[in-house]
Amino acid sequence: MEQSRPLDTLNQSRGKRVIVETKNGKQYVGKLTAFDIHINVVLSEAEEKVDGELKRKLGNIFLRGDTIILIAPQE
């Protein structure tokens, strides 16, 4: 059985749309452009969502890894 590491999973999501949830309860949806070993991430075409509803369009954003609690592929 092949072991999957967190950074491998993130690498598979590069260039795809993901949902990122932060400690303050905000959700960001966008295309995962880049990340590093600290799970700092860059999203392009990013949108901020509140209760599943679009709050604002942000474009390119950088999120610090220590504020992130969840990164999930968007279906």
C-alpha atoms as a PDB file:
ATOM      1  CA  MET A   1       0.000   0.000   0.000  1.00  0.00           C
ATOM      2  CA  GLU A   2       1.408   3.349  -1.064  1.00  0.00           C
ATOM      3  CA  GLN A   3       1.797   6.034   1.594  1.00  0.00           C
ATOM      4  CA  SER A   4       0.571   9.517   0.708  1.00  0.00           C
ATOM      5  CA  ARG A   5       2.183  12.544   2.320  1.00  0.00           C
ATOM      6  CA  PRO A   6       0.386  15.870   2.843  1.00  0.00           C
ATOM      7  CA  LEU A   7       2.639  17.781   0.443  1.00  0.00           C
ATOM      8  CA  ASP A   8       2.094  15.087  -2.210  1.00  0.00           C
ATOM      9  CA  THR A   9      -1.641  15.589  -1.898  1.00  0.00           C
ATOM     10  CA  LEU A  10      -1.256  19.360  -2.199  1.00  0.00           C
ATOM     11  CA  ASN A  11       0.973  18.885  -5.233  1.00  0.00           C
ATOM     12  CA  GLN A  12      -1.788  16.874  -6.938  1.00  0.00           C
ATOM     13  CA  SER A  13      -4.156  19.802  -6.330  1.00  0.00           C
ATOM     14  CA  ARG A  14      -1.842  22.402  -7.870  1.00  0.00           C
ATOM     15  CA  GLY A  15      -3.619  24.175 -10.721  1.00  0.00           C
ATOM     16  CA  LYS A  16      -7.030  22.958  -9.502  1.00  0.00           C
ATOM     17  CA  ARG A  17      -9.743  24.724  -7.519  1.00  0.00           C
ATOM     18  CA  VAL A  18      -9.607  24.222  -3.766  1.00  0.00           C
ATOM     19  CA  ILE A  19     -11.468  25.415  -0.686  1.00  0.00           C
ATOM     20  CA  VAL A  20      -9.289  26.814   2.107  1.00  0.00           C
ATOM     21  CA  GLU A  21     -10.785  27.366   5.556  1.00  0.00           C
ATOM     22  CA  THR A  22      -8.977  29.499   8.112  1.00  0.00           C
ATOM     23  CA  LYS A  23      -8.992  29.616  11.913  1.00  0.00           C
ATOM     24  CA  ASN A  24     -11.189  32.727  11.897  1.00  0.00           C
ATOM     25  CA  GLY A  25     -13.931  30.768  10.082  1.00  0.00           C
ATOM     26  CA  LYS A  26     -13.504  32.337   6.639  1.00  0.00           C
ATOM     27  CA  GLN A  27     -13.511  30.250   3.471  1.00  0.00           C
ATOM     28  CA  TYR A  28     -11.571  31.015   0.324  1.00  0.00           C
ATOM     29  CA  VAL A  29     -12.117  29.274  -2.991  1.00  0.00           C
ATOM     30  CA  GLY A  30      -9.598  29.557  -5.805  1.00  0.00           C
ATOM     31  CA  LYS A  31      -7.043  27.853  -7.986  1.00  0.00           C
ATOM     32  CA  LEU A  32      -4.056  26.567  -5.992  1.00  0.00           C
ATOM     33  CA  THR A  33      -1.110  28.272  -7.642  1.00  0.00           C
ATOM     34  CA  ALA A  34       1.712  27.618  -5.172  1.00  0.00           C
ATOM     35  CA  PHE A  35       2.534  26.399  -1.661  1.00  0.00           C
ATOM     36  CA  ASP A  36       5.592  25.765   0.495  1.00  0.00           C
ATOM     37  CA  ILE A  37       6.632  23.437   3.323  1.00  0.00           C
ATOM     38  CA  HIS A  38       4.874  25.696   5.849  1.00  0.00           C
ATOM     39  CA  ILE A  39       1.601  25.252   3.900  1.00  0.00           C
ATOM     40  CA  ASN A  40       1.599  28.945   3.000  1.00  0.00           C
ATOM     41  CA  VAL A  41      -0.574  28.985  -0.123  1.00  0.00           C
ATOM     42  CA  VAL A  42      -1.191  31.251  -3.096  1.00  0.00           C
ATOM     43  CA  LEU A  43      -4.620  31.146  -4.736  1.00  0.00           C
ATOM     44  CA  SER A  44      -5.542  32.778  -8.028  1.00  0.00           C
ATOM     45  CA  GLU A  45      -9.084  33.735  -9.030  1.00  0.00           C
ATOM     46  CA  ALA A  46      -9.853  33.667  -5.290  1.00  0.00           C
ATOM     47  CA  GLU A  47     -13.238  34.388  -3.760  1.00  0.00           C
ATOM     48  CA  GLU A  48     -14.185  34.814  -0.117  1.00  0.00           C
ATOM     49  CA  LYS A  49     -17.324  32.918   0.903  1.00  0.00           C
ATOM     50  CA  VAL A  50     -19.502  33.242   3.985  1.00  0.00           C
ATOM     51  CA  ASP A  51     -22.070  30.515   4.659  1.00  0.00           C
ATOM     52  CA  GLY A  52     -21.503  29.225   1.118  1.00  0.00           C
ATOM     53  CA  GLU A  53     -22.425  32.576  -0.441  1.00  0.00           C
ATOM     54  CA  LEU A  54     -19.963  34.737  -2.387  1.00  0.00           C
ATOM     55  CA  LYS A  55     -18.917  37.720  -0.262  1.00  0.00           C
ATOM     56  CA  ARG A  56     -16.235  39.217  -2.526  1.00  0.00           C
ATOM     57  CA  LYS A  57     -13.837  38.432  -5.361  1.00  0.00           C
ATOM     58  CA  LEU A  58     -10.195  38.845  -4.391  1.00  0.00           C
ATOM     59  CA  GLY A  59      -8.072  37.753  -7.371  1.00  0.00           C
ATOM     60  CA  ASN A  60      -4.592  36.591  -6.294  1.00  0.00           C
ATOM     61  CA  ILE A  61      -4.146  36.033  -2.555  1.00  0.00           C
ATOM     62  CA  PHE A  62      -1.540  34.656  -0.149  1.00  0.00           C
ATOM     63  CA  LEU A  63      -2.676  32.757   2.957  1.00  0.00           C
ATOM     64  CA  ARG A  64      -0.281  31.996   5.811  1.00  0.00           C
ATOM     65  CA  GLY A  65      -0.045  28.317   6.647  1.00  0.00           C
ATOM     66  CA  ASP A  66      -0.425  28.858  10.385  1.00  0.00           C
ATOM     67  CA  THR A  67      -3.923  30.313   9.830  1.00  0.00           C
ATOM     68  CA  ILE A  68      -5.189  27.402   7.689  1.00  0.00           C
ATOM     69  CA  ILE A  69      -7.212  24.564   9.205  1.00  0.00           C
ATOM     70  CA  LEU A  70      -8.473  22.881   6.011  1.00  0.00           C
ATOM     71  CA  ILE A  71      -7.618  22.592   2.329  1.00  0.00           C
ATOM     72  CA  ALA A  72      -9.996  20.529   0.202  1.00  0.00           C
ATOM     73  CA  PRO A  73     -10.439  20.022  -3.545  1.00  0.00           C
ATOM     74  CA  GLN A  74     -13.585  21.653  -4.875  1.00  0.00           C
ATOM     75  CA  GLU A  75     -15.883  19.340  -6.791  1.00  0.00           C
END
